[in-house]
C-alpha atoms as a PDB file:
ATOM      1  CA  MET A   1      10.691  -3.278   0.633  1.00  0.00           C
ATOM      2  CA  SER A   2      12.872  -5.394   2.959  1.00  0.00           C
ATOM      3  CA  LEU A   3      15.388  -4.238   5.355  1.00  0.00           C
ATOM      4  CA  VAL A   4      17.463  -6.881   3.869  1.00  0.00           C
ATOM      5  CA  LEU A   5      18.106  -4.750   1.053  1.00  0.00           C
ATOM      6  CA  TRP A   6      19.734  -2.063   3.481  1.00  0.00           C
ATOM      7  CA  LYS A   7      22.436  -4.383   4.419  1.00  0.00           C
ATOM      8  CA  LYS A   8      22.885  -5.019   0.643  1.00  0.00           C
ATOM      9  CA  LEU A   9      23.679  -1.351  -0.327  1.00  0.00           C
ATOM     10  CA  PRO A  10      27.266  -1.180  -1.530  1.00  0.00           C
ATOM     11  CA  ARG A  11      30.076  -0.343   0.900  1.00  0.00           C
ATOM     12  CA  GLY A  12      30.924   3.283   0.988  1.00  0.00           C
ATOM     13  CA  LEU A  13      27.760   4.451  -0.956  1.00  0.00           C
ATOM     14  CA  LEU A  14      26.788   6.396   2.377  1.00  0.00           C
ATOM     15  CA  LYS A  15      28.931   8.756   4.054  1.00  0.00           C
ATOM     16  CA  LYS A  16      27.513   7.854   7.567  1.00  0.00           C
ATOM     17  CA  ARG A  17      29.095   5.386   9.646  1.00  0.00           C
ATOM     18  CA  PHE A  18      27.666   2.160  10.881  1.00  0.00           C
ATOM     19  CA  LYS A  19      26.314   3.453  14.391  1.00  0.00           C
ATOM     20  CA  ALA A  20      24.729   6.509  12.754  1.00  0.00           C
ATOM     21  CA  ARG A  21      23.169   4.213   9.766  1.00  0.00           C
ATOM     22  CA  ASP A  22      22.136   1.473  12.681  1.00  0.00           C
ATOM     23  CA  ARG A  23      20.107   4.496  14.483  1.00  0.00           C
ATOM     24  CA  LEU A  24      17.898   5.281  11.770  1.00  0.00           C
ATOM     25  CA  GLY A  25      14.151   3.996  11.862  1.00  0.00           C
ATOM     26  CA  PRO A  26      13.031   1.288   9.614  1.00  0.00           C
ATOM     27  CA  ASP A  27      11.050   3.694   7.563  1.00  0.00           C
ATOM     28  CA  VAL A  28      13.987   5.854   6.842  1.00  0.00           C
ATOM     29  CA  LYS A  29      16.039   2.741   6.039  1.00  0.00           C
ATOM     30  CA  ARG A  30      13.584   1.714   3.360  1.00  0.00           C
ATOM     31  CA  LEU A  31      13.085   5.215   1.970  1.00  0.00           C
ATOM     32  CA  VAL A  32      16.947   5.350   1.443  1.00  0.00           C
ATOM     33  CA  VAL A  33      16.987   2.029  -0.236  1.00  0.00           C
ATOM     34  CA  LYS A  34      14.122   3.168  -2.443  1.00  0.00           C
ATOM     35  CA  LEU A  35      15.938   6.231  -3.303  1.00  0.00           C
ATOM     36  CA  ALA A  36      19.395   4.448  -4.028  1.00  0.00           C
ATOM     37  CA  GLU A  37      17.487   2.098  -6.243  1.00  0.00           C
ATOM     38  CA  GLU A  38      15.822   5.071  -8.230  1.00  0.00           C
ATOM     39  CA  GLN A  39      18.988   7.171  -8.428  1.00  0.00           C
ATOM     40  CA  LYS A  40      21.006   3.822  -9.674  1.00  0.00           C
ATOM     41  CA  LEU A  41      23.333   4.163  -6.607  1.00  0.00           C
ATOM     42  CA  LYS A  42      24.552   7.573  -7.772  1.00  0.00           C
ATOM     43  CA  CYS A  43      24.091  11.308  -6.653  1.00  0.00           C
ATOM     44  CA  VAL A  44      20.895  13.145  -7.904  1.00  0.00           C
ATOM     45  CA  HIS A  45      22.660  15.884  -9.598  1.00  0.00           C
ATOM     46  CA  CYS A  46      26.057  14.386 -10.780  1.00  0.00           C
ATOM     47  CA  PRO A  47      27.722  10.894 -11.506  1.00  0.00           C
ATOM     48  CA  ARG A  48      29.370  10.390  -8.073  1.00  0.00           C
ATOM     49  CA  GLU A  49      28.759   6.847  -6.325  1.00  0.00           C
ATOM     50  CA  ARG A  50      30.475   6.942  -2.941  1.00  0.00           C
ATOM     51  CA  ASN A  51      30.178   9.140   0.449  1.00  0.00           C
ATOM     52  CA  LEU A  52      26.561  10.010  -0.301  1.00  0.00           C
ATOM     53  CA  ILE A  53      24.687  12.080   2.031  1.00  0.00           C
ATOM     54  CA  ILE A  54      21.029  11.810   2.954  1.00  0.00           C
ATOM     55  CA  GLU A  55      20.018  15.166   2.114  1.00  0.00           C
ATOM     56  CA  HIS A  56      16.923  16.513   3.904  1.00  0.00           C
ATOM     57  CA  ASP A  57      14.539  19.324   4.320  1.00  0.00           C
ATOM     58  CA  HIS A  58      15.409  21.402   7.345  1.00  0.00           C
ATOM     59  CA  ASP A  59      12.029  23.157   7.411  1.00  0.00           C
ATOM     60  CA  PRO A  60       9.547  20.238   6.561  1.00  0.00           C
ATOM     61  CA  ILE A  61       5.809  20.359   6.386  1.00  0.00           C
ATOM     62  CA  PHE A  62       5.476  17.536   8.841  1.00  0.00           C
ATOM     63  CA  GLY A  63       7.846  17.242  11.947  1.00  0.00           C
ATOM     64  CA  THR A  64      10.835  19.027  12.679  1.00  0.00           C
ATOM     65  CA  GLY A  65      13.941  19.194  10.266  1.00  0.00           C
ATOM     66  CA  ASP A  66      16.625  18.147  13.126  1.00  0.00           C
ATOM     67  CA  LYS A  67      15.936  14.414  12.842  1.00  0.00           C
ATOM     68  CA  LEU A  68      15.727  12.308   9.602  1.00  0.00           C
ATOM     69  CA  THR A  69      12.335  11.218   8.937  1.00  0.00           C
ATOM     70  CA  ALA A  70      10.685   9.895   6.094  1.00  0.00           C
ATOM     71  CA  PHE A  71       8.945  12.935   5.428  1.00  0.00           C
ATOM     72  CA  ASN A  72      12.082  15.318   5.320  1.00  0.00           C
ATOM     73  CA  ILE A  73      14.566  13.325   3.193  1.00  0.00           C
ATOM     74  CA  ARG A  74      14.849  14.713  -0.327  1.00  0.00           C
ATOM     75  CA  GLY A  75      17.412  12.307  -1.786  1.00  0.00           C
ATOM     76  CA  LEU A  76      21.011  11.120  -1.811  1.00  0.00           C
ATOM     77  CA  VAL A  77      23.451  13.650  -2.819  1.00  0.00           C
ATOM     78  CA  CYS A  78      27.551  14.094  -2.746  1.00  0.00           C
ATOM     79  CA  GLN A  79      29.014  16.593  -0.277  1.00  0.00           C
ATOM     80  CA  ARG A  80      29.583  19.208  -3.525  1.00  0.00           C
ATOM     81  CA  CYS A  81      25.835  18.909  -4.599  1.00  0.00           C
ATOM     82  CA  ASN A  82      24.683  19.204  -0.989  1.00  0.00           C
ATOM     83  CA  TRP A  83      26.548  22.405  -0.723  1.00  0.00           C
ATOM     84  CA  HIS A  84      25.296  23.721  -3.858  1.00  0.00           C
ATOM     85  CA  LEU A  85      21.669  22.989  -2.817  1.00  0.00           C
ATOM     86  CA  MET A  86      22.427  25.045   0.251  1.00  0.00           C
ATOM     87  CA  ILE A  87      23.415  27.876  -1.708  1.00  0.00           C
ATOM     88  CA  TYR A  88      20.543  27.651  -3.977  1.00  0.00           C
ATOM     89  CA  GLU A  89      18.211  27.474  -1.263  1.00  0.00           C
ATOM     90  CA  LYS A  90      19.843  30.389   0.776  1.00  0.00           C
ATOM     91  CA  ASP A  91      19.585  32.331  -2.449  1.00  0.00           C
ATOM     92  CA  LEU A  92      15.820  31.449  -3.092  1.00  0.00           C
ATOM     93  CA  ASN A  93      15.032  32.337   0.477  1.00  0.00           C
ATOM     94  CA  GLY A  94      16.692  35.662   0.336  1.00  0.00           C
ATOM     95  CA  GLU A  95      19.247  34.770   3.085  1.00  0.00           C
ATOM     96  CA  TYR A  96      22.636  36.110   3.342  1.00  0.00           C
ATOM     97  CA  ARG A  97      25.117  33.200   2.599  1.00  0.00           C
ATOM     98  CA  GLY A  98      28.357  34.859   3.567  1.00  0.00           C
ATOM     99  CA  LEU A  99      30.078  33.864   0.203  1.00  0.00           C
ATOM    100  CA  ASP A 100      29.672  36.582  -2.340  1.00  0.00           C
ATOM    101  CA  ASP A 101      32.157  35.203  -4.894  1.00  0.00           C
ATOM    102  CA  VAL A 102      30.560  31.741  -4.986  1.00  0.00           C
ATOM    103  CA  SER A 103      28.473  30.628  -8.078  1.00  0.00           C
ATOM    104  CA  ASN A 104      25.820  27.984  -8.055  1.00  0.00           C
ATOM    105  CA  TYR A 105      25.615  25.422 -10.604  1.00  0.00           C
ATOM    106  CA  ILE A 106      22.314  24.007  -9.939  1.00  0.00           C
ATOM    107  CA  SER A 107      19.453  25.600 -12.085  1.00  0.00           C
ATOM    108  CA  ASN A 108      16.092  26.691 -11.536  1.00  0.00           C
ATOM    109  CA  SER A 109      14.673  23.529 -13.440  1.00  0.00           C
ATOM    110  CA  GLY A 110      17.056  21.251 -11.655  1.00  0.00           C
ATOM    111  CA  TRP A 111      15.832  22.472  -8.163  1.00  0.00           C
ATOM    112  CA  GLU A 112      12.130  22.538  -9.420  1.00  0.00           C
ATOM    113  CA  THR A 113      12.267  18.685 -10.411  1.00  0.00           C
ATOM    114  CA  TYR A 114      14.129  17.793  -7.541  1.00  0.00           C
ATOM    115  CA  ILE A 115      11.608  19.461  -4.907  1.00  0.00           C
ATOM    116  CA  TYR A 116       8.725  18.168  -6.957  1.00  0.00           C
ATOM    117  CA  ALA A 117       9.969  14.663  -6.704  1.00  0.00           C
ATOM    118  CA  HIS A 118      10.157  15.130  -2.874  1.00  0.00           C
ATOM    119  CA  ASP A 119       6.975  16.768  -2.599  1.00  0.00           C
ATOM    120  CA  THR A 120       5.336  14.047  -4.577  1.00  0.00           C
ATOM    121  CA  LEU A 121       7.004  11.205  -2.407  1.00  0.00           C
ATOM    122  CA  VAL A 122       6.001  13.006   0.787  1.00  0.00           C
ATOM    123  CA  ALA A 123       2.189  13.055  -0.220  1.00  0.00           C
ATOM    124  CA  MET A 124       2.588   9.472  -1.194  1.00  0.00           C
ATOM    125  CA  LEU A 125       4.045   8.582   2.213  1.00  0.00           C
ATOM    126  CA  TYR A 126       1.540  10.559   4.088  1.00  0.00           C
ATOM    127  CA  GLU A 127      -1.451   8.915   2.024  1.00  0.00           C
ATOM    128  CA  SER A 128      -0.254   5.515   2.896  1.00  0.00           C
ATOM    129  CA  GLN A 129       0.093   6.237   6.381  1.00  0.00           C
ATOM    130  CA  LEU A 130      -3.413   7.855   6.638  1.00  0.00           C
ATOM    131  CA  GLU A 131      -4.731   4.789   4.781  1.00  0.00           C
ATOM    132  CA  GLU A 132      -3.088   2.410   7.637  1.00  0.00           C
ATOM    133  CA  ARG A 133      -4.581   4.258  10.398  1.00  0.00           C
ATOM    134  CA  MET A 134      -8.076   5.016   9.125  1.00  0.00           C
ATOM    135  CA  GLY A 135      -8.521   1.711   7.685  1.00  0.00           C
ATOM    136  CA  THR A 136      -9.203   0.932   3.996  1.00  0.00           C
ATOM    137  CA  LEU A 137     -13.006   1.319   4.081  1.00  0.00           C
ATOM    138  CA  LYS A 138     -12.917   4.887   5.899  1.00  0.00           C
ATOM    139  CA  TYR A 139      -9.963   5.946   3.838  1.00  0.00           C
ATOM    140  CA  LEU A 140     -11.975   5.201   0.688  1.00  0.00           C
ATOM    141  CA  LYS A 141     -14.942   7.111   1.948  1.00  0.00           C
ATOM    142  CA  ARG A 142     -12.763  10.066   2.807  1.00  0.00           C
ATOM    143  CA  GLN A 143     -11.517  10.072  -0.948  1.00  0.00           C
ATOM    144  CA  ILE A 144     -15.131  10.046  -2.363  1.00  0.00           C
ATOM    145  CA  PHE A 145     -15.876  12.711  -0.216  1.00  0.00           C
ATOM    146  CA  LEU A 146     -12.914  14.699  -1.252  1.00  0.00           C
ATOM    147  CA  ASP A 147     -13.280  13.886  -4.917  1.00  0.00           C
ATOM    148  CA  LYS A 148     -16.937  15.264  -4.688  1.00  0.00           C
ATOM    149  CA  PHE A 149     -15.805  18.512  -2.919  1.00  0.00           C
ATOM    150  CA  ASP A 150     -12.891  19.063  -5.556  1.00  0.00           C
ATOM    151  CA  ASP A 151     -15.489  18.637  -8.180  1.00  0.00           C
ATOM    152  CA  TRP A 152     -17.901  21.117  -6.678  1.00  0.00           C
ATOM    153  CA  LYS A 153     -15.079  23.637  -6.023  1.00  0.00           C
ATOM    154  CA  GLU A 154     -13.919  23.312  -9.717  1.00  0.00           C
ATOM    155  CA  TRP A 155     -17.391  23.376 -11.346  1.00  0.00           C
ATOM    156  CA  GLY A 156     -18.787  25.625  -8.551  1.00  0.00           C
ATOM    157  CA  PRO A 157     -22.461  25.921  -7.814  1.00  0.00           C
ATOM    158  CA  ALA A 158     -25.149  27.181 -10.516  1.00  0.00           C
ATOM    159  CA  SER A 159     -23.598  30.428 -11.585  1.00  0.00           C
ATOM    160  CA  ARG A 160     -25.415  33.443 -10.278  1.00  0.00           C
ATOM    161  CA  ARG A 161     -25.876  36.308 -12.757  1.00  0.00           C
ATOM    162  CA  ILE A 162     -27.203  39.647 -12.096  1.00  0.00           C
ATOM    163  CA  PRO A 163     -29.471  40.780 -14.952  1.00  0.00           C
ATOM    164  CA  ALA A 164     -29.079  44.490 -14.508  1.00  0.00           C
ATOM    165  CA  LEU A 165     -25.380  44.660 -14.911  1.00  0.00           C
ATOM    166  CA  GLY A 166     -24.965  41.897 -17.843  1.00  0.00           C
ATOM    167  CA  PHE A 167     -22.713  39.771 -15.842  1.00  0.00           C
END
């Protein structure tokens, strides 16, 4: 996906100002454009179309959560949905959020599909980077080995029965 598409994003779609957007890396820009296209230029959880925030995981699997990377960006959300995601995440982790009277409108299924989509995206990005680093041939050999290992793990070695105990 070309960075030319980054410049074609509608004005006011992202809340970030030009300088902040310009400092983002090319892989982050490509991911934001891809997410904007997948989300049809709207928030993930509601129909808002302006001032979207690049929502990210503050405790990602790869890297730190303080800087936007392709591995910790989850989606484009509005300020309201970002706030509700924070409330849901704190409730899920058992953290005190300081707001006792506030209810959350994000459901368990909404959260799970959102996180599943993020985890799937991160896995695909990681595998594509791994293939680039290793080269196609070594990557394919690795995949064949992992497939064999998964088959062995699933089906296991020949079952061992103890005749005296009957199992």
